[in-house]
Amino acid sequence: MKQTRQQTIQKYTELNKIFPNLHDNVVTTYLSGEKHITVEFISTGTAADGSKFELPICTIFTIENGKITKDFTYYDNFEE
């Protein structure tokens, strides 16, 4: 789903309200050509109910004219 810049700001603002101590730790980055970068990171935080999470995430960014124009994010939030 394509989002405007304002929708993206609103999404992350709301996420930070739910998880006020949200933190992303970059594991590694990979360049692919001149327009793509893949970032592997681990997102951690604590919800209002005190439950903590640790979520490995992989995001592929498309960069055009110095700005992120596409963001494909993949994660598995189910525990085994």
N, C-alpha and C. Protein backbone atom coordinates (compact mmCIF):
# COMPACT_ATOMS: atom_id res chain seq x y z
N MET A 1 0.84 -1.17 0.00
CA MET A 1 0.00 0.00 0.00
C MET A 1 0.89 1.24 0.00
N LYS A 2 0.66 2.12 -0.93
CA LYS A 2 1.44 3.35 -1.02
C LYS A 2 0.93 4.34 0.02
N GLN A 3 1.88 4.96 0.75
CA GLN A 3 1.52 5.93 1.78
C GLN A 3 2.17 7.27 1.47
N THR A 4 1.50 8.31 1.89
CA THR A 4 2.09 9.64 1.77
C THR A 4 3.11 9.82 2.88
N ARG A 5 3.92 10.84 2.78
CA ARG A 5 4.89 11.15 3.83
C ARG A 5 4.17 11.37 5.16
N GLN A 6 3.05 12.08 5.15
CA GLN A 6 2.30 12.35 6.38
C GLN A 6 1.75 11.06 6.98
N GLN A 7 1.27 10.13 6.15
CA GLN A 7 0.78 8.85 6.67
C GLN A 7 1.90 8.05 7.31
N THR A 8 3.09 8.10 6.74
CA THR A 8 4.24 7.39 7.31
C THR A 8 4.60 7.99 8.66
N ILE A 9 4.63 9.31 8.75
CA ILE A 9 4.92 9.98 10.02
C ILE A 9 3.88 9.59 11.06
N GLN A 10 2.61 9.59 10.68
CA GLN A 10 1.54 9.25 11.61
C GLN A 10 1.67 7.80 12.09
N LYS A 11 2.00 6.88 11.18
CA LYS A 11 2.15 5.46 11.54
C LYS A 11 3.24 5.28 12.60
N TYR A 12 4.40 5.90 12.39
CA TYR A 12 5.50 5.74 13.35
C TYR A 12 5.27 6.51 14.64
N THR A 13 4.53 7.61 14.59
CA THR A 13 4.17 8.35 15.80
C THR A 13 3.27 7.49 16.67
N GLU A 14 2.28 6.83 16.07
CA GLU A 14 1.37 5.96 16.81
C GLU A 14 2.11 4.74 17.36
N LEU A 15 3.03 4.18 16.58
CA LEU A 15 3.81 3.04 17.04
C LEU A 15 4.65 3.40 18.26
N ASN A 16 5.22 4.59 18.26
CA ASN A 16 6.03 5.04 19.40
C ASN A 16 5.18 5.33 20.63
N LYS A 17 3.90 5.61 20.46
CA LYS A 17 3.01 5.78 21.61
C LYS A 17 2.75 4.42 22.27
N ILE A 18 2.61 3.38 21.46
CA ILE A 18 2.35 2.03 21.97
C ILE A 18 3.61 1.46 22.61
N PHE A 19 4.75 1.69 21.97
CA PHE A 19 6.04 1.19 22.45
C PHE A 19 6.99 2.37 22.63
N PRO A 20 6.88 3.09 23.75
CA PRO A 20 7.67 4.32 23.92
C PRO A 20 9.18 4.10 23.97
N ASN A 21 9.62 2.90 24.27
CA ASN A 21 11.07 2.65 24.30
C ASN A 21 11.51 1.80 23.11
N LEU A 22 10.81 1.93 22.00
CA LEU A 22 11.14 1.19 20.79
C LEU A 22 12.57 1.51 20.36
N HIS A 23 13.33 0.45 20.06
CA HIS A 23 14.72 0.63 19.66
C HIS A 23 15.05 -0.34 18.53
N ASP A 24 15.73 0.14 17.52
CA ASP A 24 16.17 -0.71 16.41
C ASP A 24 17.68 -0.79 16.42
N ASN A 25 18.20 -2.00 16.39
CA ASN A 25 19.63 -2.24 16.35
C ASN A 25 19.99 -2.83 14.99
N VAL A 26 20.70 -2.08 14.17
CA VAL A 26 21.07 -2.55 12.83
C VAL A 26 22.11 -3.66 12.94
N VAL A 27 21.82 -4.78 12.30
CA VAL A 27 22.72 -5.92 12.29
C VAL A 27 23.69 -5.80 11.11
N THR A 28 23.14 -5.52 9.94
CA THR A 28 23.98 -5.36 8.75
C THR A 28 23.19 -4.66 7.64
N THR A 29 23.92 -4.14 6.66
CA THR A 29 23.30 -3.53 5.49
C THR A 29 23.97 -4.08 4.23
N TYR A 30 23.21 -4.14 3.16
CA TYR A 30 23.71 -4.63 1.88
C TYR A 30 23.30 -3.63 0.80
N LEU A 31 24.23 -3.24 -0.04
CA LEU A 31 23.92 -2.39 -1.18
C LEU A 31 23.63 -3.27 -2.38
N SER A 32 22.66 -2.87 -3.18
CA SER A 32 22.32 -3.58 -4.39
C SER A 32 22.15 -2.55 -5.50
N GLY A 33 23.18 -2.37 -6.28
CA GLY A 33 23.13 -1.35 -7.32
C GLY A 33 23.19 0.04 -6.71
N GLU A 34 22.68 1.00 -7.45
CA GLU A 34 22.71 2.38 -6.99
C GLU A 34 21.43 2.82 -6.30
N LYS A 35 20.37 2.00 -6.38
CA LYS A 35 19.08 2.45 -5.88
C LYS A 35 18.53 1.65 -4.70
N HIS A 36 19.17 0.55 -4.35
CA HIS A 36 18.58 -0.31 -3.31
C HIS A 36 19.56 -0.59 -2.18
N ILE A 37 19.02 -0.59 -0.97
CA ILE A 37 19.78 -0.99 0.20
C ILE A 37 18.88 -1.88 1.05
N THR A 38 19.45 -2.98 1.50
CA THR A 38 18.75 -3.90 2.39
C THR A 38 19.33 -3.74 3.79
N VAL A 39 18.44 -3.62 4.76
CA VAL A 39 18.87 -3.43 6.15
C VAL A 39 18.27 -4.55 7.00
N GLU A 40 19.14 -5.28 7.70
CA GLU A 40 18.69 -6.26 8.68
C GLU A 40 18.85 -5.63 10.05
N PHE A 41 17.78 -5.68 10.86
CA PHE A 41 17.87 -5.10 12.19
C PHE A 41 16.96 -5.85 13.15
N ILE A 42 17.17 -5.61 14.43
CA ILE A 42 16.33 -6.21 15.46
C ILE A 42 15.64 -5.08 16.21
N SER A 43 14.33 -5.15 16.23
CA SER A 43 13.52 -4.15 16.90
C SER A 43 13.13 -4.70 18.28
N THR A 44 13.32 -3.89 19.33
CA THR A 44 12.95 -4.30 20.68
C THR A 44 12.14 -3.20 21.35
N GLY A 45 11.37 -3.59 22.33
CA GLY A 45 10.59 -2.60 23.06
C GLY A 45 9.76 -3.25 24.15
N THR A 46 9.03 -2.42 24.88
CA THR A 46 8.14 -2.86 25.94
C THR A 46 6.79 -2.20 25.75
N ALA A 47 5.73 -3.01 25.78
CA ALA A 47 4.37 -2.49 25.64
C ALA A 47 3.90 -1.91 26.97
N ALA A 48 2.78 -1.21 26.94
CA ALA A 48 2.21 -0.59 28.14
C ALA A 48 1.90 -1.62 29.22
N ASP A 49 1.58 -2.86 28.81
CA ASP A 49 1.28 -3.91 29.79
C ASP A 49 2.54 -4.55 30.37
N GLY A 50 3.71 -4.07 29.96
CA GLY A 50 4.98 -4.58 30.49
C GLY A 50 5.58 -5.71 29.69
N SER A 51 4.86 -6.21 28.68
CA SER A 51 5.41 -7.29 27.88
C SER A 51 6.49 -6.75 26.95
N LYS A 52 7.57 -7.53 26.83
CA LYS A 52 8.70 -7.13 26.01
C LYS A 52 8.73 -7.95 24.73
N PHE A 53 9.32 -7.37 23.70
CA PHE A 53 9.46 -8.12 22.46
C PHE A 53 10.83 -7.87 21.84
N GLU A 54 11.22 -8.83 21.00
CA GLU A 54 12.43 -8.72 20.18
C GLU A 54 12.06 -9.29 18.83
N LEU A 55 12.14 -8.47 17.78
CA LEU A 55 11.64 -8.85 16.47
C LEU A 55 12.69 -8.62 15.39
N PRO A 56 13.23 -9.70 14.78
CA PRO A 56 14.14 -9.53 13.65
C PRO A 56 13.35 -9.02 12.43
N ILE A 57 13.91 -8.03 11.75
CA ILE A 57 13.23 -7.41 10.60
C ILE A 57 14.23 -7.24 9.47
N CYS A 58 13.74 -7.35 8.25
CA CYS A 58 14.54 -7.08 7.06
C CYS A 58 13.76 -6.09 6.20
N THR A 59 14.39 -4.99 5.83
CA THR A 59 13.74 -3.97 5.01
C THR A 59 14.58 -3.70 3.77
N ILE A 60 13.91 -3.62 2.63
CA ILE A 60 14.57 -3.25 1.38
C ILE A 60 14.07 -1.85 1.01
N PHE A 61 15.00 -0.91 0.95
CA PHE A 61 14.67 0.46 0.59
C PHE A 61 15.07 0.73 -0.86
N THR A 62 14.25 1.48 -1.57
CA THR A 62 14.61 2.04 -2.86
C THR A 62 14.87 3.52 -2.64
N ILE A 63 16.03 3.97 -3.09
CA ILE A 63 16.44 5.36 -2.90
C ILE A 63 16.47 6.05 -4.27
N GLU A 64 15.78 7.18 -4.36
CA GLU A 64 15.78 7.97 -5.59
C GLU A 64 15.92 9.44 -5.22
N ASN A 65 16.86 10.10 -5.85
CA ASN A 65 17.12 11.52 -5.58
C ASN A 65 17.34 11.78 -4.08
N GLY A 66 18.04 10.84 -3.41
CA GLY A 66 18.37 11.01 -2.01
C GLY A 66 17.23 10.77 -1.03
N LYS A 67 16.09 10.25 -1.51
CA LYS A 67 14.95 10.00 -0.64
C LYS A 67 14.47 8.57 -0.78
N ILE A 68 13.93 8.02 0.31
CA ILE A 68 13.34 6.68 0.25
C ILE A 68 12.03 6.79 -0.50
N THR A 69 11.92 6.04 -1.61
CA THR A 69 10.69 6.07 -2.39
C THR A 69 9.89 4.78 -2.25
N LYS A 70 10.54 3.71 -1.80
CA LYS A 70 9.85 2.44 -1.54
C LYS A 70 10.47 1.80 -0.31
N ASP A 71 9.64 1.08 0.42
CA ASP A 71 10.05 0.43 1.66
C ASP A 71 9.31 -0.90 1.73
N PHE A 72 10.03 -2.00 1.54
CA PHE A 72 9.45 -3.33 1.65
C PHE A 72 10.01 -3.96 2.92
N THR A 73 9.15 -4.18 3.92
CA THR A 73 9.58 -4.68 5.21
C THR A 73 9.02 -6.08 5.44
N TYR A 74 9.90 -6.97 5.90
CA TYR A 74 9.55 -8.37 6.14
C TYR A 74 9.92 -8.77 7.56
N TYR A 75 9.00 -9.46 8.24
CA TYR A 75 9.28 -9.97 9.57
C TYR A 75 8.34 -11.11 9.88
N ASP A 76 8.72 -11.91 10.86
CA ASP A 76 7.92 -13.02 11.32
C ASP A 76 7.68 -12.79 12.81
N ASN A 77 6.46 -12.43 13.18
CA ASN A 77 6.20 -12.12 14.58
C ASN A 77 5.54 -13.27 15.33
N PHE A 78 5.67 -14.49 14.82
CA PHE A 78 5.13 -15.66 15.50
C PHE A 78 6.25 -16.44 16.14
N GLU A 79 6.06 -16.80 17.40
CA GLU A 79 7.05 -17.61 18.09
C GLU A 79 6.77 -19.08 17.80
N GLU A 80 7.84 -19.86 17.82
CA GLU A 80 7.68 -21.31 17.58
C GLU A 80 7.23 -22.00 18.83
